[in-house]
């Protein structure tokens, strides 16, 4: 049976107008696992799993009475459930869809959702955008030396695409790929992710539907990018590292549809500032043995004071230290930065959205093996800072 039957299928996003004046519409979608969420080819129970999913974030529970049905099978189920913060509710009916299709009982499957009522609606968001048209971006890696570097990359070694902009929303994004895993525990799994690099307001939440294409593989996701997830969303590990070794060219394509942009709190309008300074800066530190235990160093970039800190647990954090023009509350600073450790063959590249309430960004966990770090006689730390945007309120 086709491998896609072991992955979820997503319906189009549909909206429901709310009964309260001034409140935003609710965004929903259906997620179908044709063979169930934990199925393998050898599983005896391959009953389908269908979920109704709420995408709109709320301050509290949203009580919904609804009916899900499959028309071809003539089955339906009514339910009442409290949805909260992108929560999903599983359909109560149990069906073997694969058997239905194979036995030619039906040529198509039509799922229907009817929402009868919504109670206790209290969304804590402010919708600020219409639904935008989808746009496409392709990152093609054709140079033989670049392809070879990806195919033979060590564990936790990031490659990133150029930053690209959605012409309709003005938001900026990029791909990153870790061909041999983005964390030490993911060794052997090629990890591809999709990150927002620039947001004019750190209170924004951007609901996105995107489709990934890498050579002949495909994946579809619905995610919300926000300050809380550092702009990162959409982890995809369809390929093993070994699968990349036979590839002579890597072509990444994304079809991106910004469904909704919201703000958690009201804030002032912003404008993008032009910068006449260099947008990229490279710094290198060389540390002798044991000097990197709880190490930190300050530096200046674009008139701002920053600090890079390495904790005893092996986690790097970038801190925004100074205030621009004496009033950091008026600015949002968006950067992409990479940290390389040549002795460990490690390179991590992440984005950061900084304002008065968000002045630090770490490189996540499980990036290096502490035993290998402590065994070094010396450590080289290379930092590459890249300014993406500065916004002024």
Foldseek 3Di string as FASTA:
>chain_A
DDPCLQPKDKDDKDWDDDPDPQDDIWIKIKIKNLQDNPDDPPDPRRWMKIKIWTQAAAPFWKWWWKKKDKVLVPDIDIDIDTDHHGDIDIGPDTDNVVVCVVVPSDPDIDMDMGIDDIPPGGHLKHFDDAWDDKDKDKDKDQPQVVLVCLLPAFEAAKDKGDWDADVPPRWIKIKMWGLQYNFPVSGQFIKIWIFTQDDQDQQKKWWKWKWKDKPHDIDIDTDIAHQVVQRIDDIDGPDTSNVSNPDNMIMIMMTMIGHTMIGSDDDDDKDWDDDPDDQKDKDKDKFFAPCLAFDKDWDDDSNWIKMWTQYNQGKIKIFGDDAPVRCQQFKKWKKKKWKDKVQQSHIAIGIHIDGPVGGMDIRDDRRGDSVSVNPDRMIMIMMMIGTDTMMGD
